[in-house]
Amino acid sequence: MSDLANHVMGGGYGTTVLASMDAAAVVQVPSDPYTAARQLVLQSVTNAGVAQALLTKLDQAAAAGQRGNLNAKAGIVKAFINQLEAQTGKTIAAEQAAALIQLAWSL
């Protein structure tokens, strides 16, 4: 588990508590993990091309899940995580990448 603590979600909008060793931030995010992940990508990734690639993976994972193709969904989520790991410290800060990776495991 990363330094980012837990996600507590519920209702139309949930409260996400991100806690690190130094500080904690409480952020209102949609309870739908795909929407939350999309918002965090848009807010955190500094390169438009990388952000678009991550958003495309989120859309593809959601579509695969809606079709009931869980193997495809799992593969796409793993590709999303791999790209985040590759971009950590480059186009996305480590703390935001860790939050997105944690969120991705809930998709």
Protein backbone atom coordinates (compact mmCIF):
# COMPACT_ATOMS: atom_id res chain seq x y z
CA MET A 1 0.00 0.00 0.00
CA SER A 2 1.30 3.46 -0.88
CA ASP A 3 1.75 6.40 1.45
CA LEU A 4 -1.64 7.53 0.22
CA ALA A 5 -4.10 6.15 2.68
CA ASN A 6 -7.65 5.13 2.02
CA HIS A 7 -10.49 6.07 -0.27
CA VAL A 8 -13.88 6.40 1.32
CA MET A 9 -16.61 6.83 -1.28
CA GLY A 10 -20.39 6.84 -1.30
CA GLY A 11 -23.43 8.52 -2.79
CA GLY A 12 -23.26 10.70 -5.89
CA TYR A 13 -20.07 12.30 -4.65
CA GLY A 14 -17.82 10.76 -2.07
CA THR A 15 -15.07 11.97 0.15
CA THR A 16 -11.65 10.74 -0.76
CA VAL A 17 -9.03 11.05 1.94
CA LEU A 18 -5.50 11.18 0.61
CA ALA A 19 -3.00 11.06 3.42
CA SER A 20 0.75 11.12 3.14
CA MET A 21 3.48 11.15 5.73
CA ASP A 22 3.44 14.97 5.76
CA ALA A 23 -0.15 16.04 5.24
CA ALA A 24 -3.65 14.95 4.44
CA ALA A 25 -5.99 16.33 1.85
CA VAL A 26 -9.70 15.75 1.63
CA VAL A 27 -10.99 15.92 -1.92
CA GLN A 28 -14.56 15.65 -3.15
CA VAL A 29 -14.62 13.23 -6.08
CA PRO A 30 -17.38 11.38 -7.90
CA SER A 31 -18.13 7.96 -6.46
CA ASP A 32 -17.73 6.42 -9.93
CA PRO A 33 -14.06 5.37 -10.01
CA TYR A 34 -13.75 5.93 -13.78
CA THR A 35 -14.92 9.54 -13.46
CA ALA A 36 -12.65 10.08 -10.47
CA ALA A 37 -9.67 8.63 -12.37
CA ARG A 38 -10.41 10.77 -15.44
CA GLN A 39 -10.53 13.92 -13.30
CA LEU A 40 -7.27 13.07 -11.56
CA VAL A 41 -5.55 12.35 -14.88
CA LEU A 42 -6.71 15.70 -16.27
CA GLN A 43 -5.55 17.54 -13.15
CA SER A 44 -2.25 15.73 -12.65
CA VAL A 45 -0.64 14.78 -15.97
CA THR A 46 1.44 17.59 -17.46
CA ASN A 47 1.76 16.20 -21.00
CA ALA A 48 -1.39 16.31 -23.14
CA GLY A 49 -0.40 13.24 -25.20
CA VAL A 50 0.25 11.12 -22.13
CA ALA A 51 -2.99 12.32 -20.53
CA GLN A 52 -4.93 11.41 -23.68
CA ALA A 53 -3.37 7.94 -23.78
CA LEU A 54 -4.34 7.34 -20.14
CA LEU A 55 -7.88 8.63 -20.73
CA THR A 56 -8.21 6.32 -23.74
CA LYS A 57 -7.19 3.35 -21.59
CA LEU A 58 -9.81 4.31 -18.99
CA ASP A 59 -12.49 4.52 -21.69
CA GLN A 60 -11.43 1.16 -23.13
CA ALA A 61 -11.46 -0.50 -19.70
CA ALA A 62 -14.94 0.86 -18.98
CA ALA A 63 -16.21 -0.35 -22.36
CA ALA A 64 -14.71 -3.80 -21.85
CA GLY A 65 -16.35 -4.00 -18.43
CA GLN A 66 -19.71 -2.99 -19.87
CA ARG A 67 -19.39 -5.74 -22.48
CA GLY A 68 -18.62 -8.21 -19.70
CA ASN A 69 -15.12 -8.89 -21.03
CA LEU A 70 -13.33 -8.93 -17.69
CA ASN A 71 -10.08 -10.33 -19.09
CA ALA A 72 -9.78 -7.44 -21.53
CA LYS A 73 -10.70 -4.98 -18.80
CA ALA A 74 -8.00 -6.38 -16.49
CA GLY A 75 -5.39 -6.17 -19.25
CA ILE A 76 -6.28 -2.59 -20.06
CA VAL A 77 -6.21 -1.58 -16.38
CA LYS A 78 -2.77 -3.19 -16.08
CA ALA A 79 -1.60 -1.23 -19.15
CA PHE A 80 -2.93 1.96 -17.51
CA ILE A 81 -0.96 1.17 -14.35
CA ASN A 82 2.18 0.33 -16.35
CA GLN A 83 1.97 3.67 -18.16
CA LEU A 84 1.50 5.52 -14.88
CA GLU A 85 4.53 3.78 -13.41
CA ALA A 86 6.59 4.68 -16.49
CA GLN A 87 5.51 8.34 -16.30
CA THR A 88 5.95 8.78 -12.55
CA GLY A 89 8.36 11.62 -11.91
CA LYS A 90 8.20 12.64 -15.59
CA THR A 91 4.72 13.82 -16.53
CA ILE A 92 3.01 13.03 -13.23
CA ALA A 93 4.16 13.50 -9.64
CA ALA A 94 4.71 10.37 -7.57
CA GLU A 95 1.90 11.10 -5.12
CA GLN A 96 -0.71 11.63 -7.85
CA ALA A 97 0.51 8.53 -9.70
CA ALA A 98 0.19 6.48 -6.51
CA ALA A 99 -3.37 7.75 -6.00
CA LEU A 100 -4.28 6.86 -9.58
CA ILE A 101 -2.74 3.41 -9.27
CA GLN A 102 -4.65 2.77 -6.08
CA LEU A 103 -7.84 3.97 -7.76
CA ALA A 104 -7.15 1.80 -10.82
CA TRP A 105 -7.18 -1.33 -8.66
CA SER A 106 -10.81 -0.51 -7.78
CA LEU A 107 -11.94 -0.39 -11.41
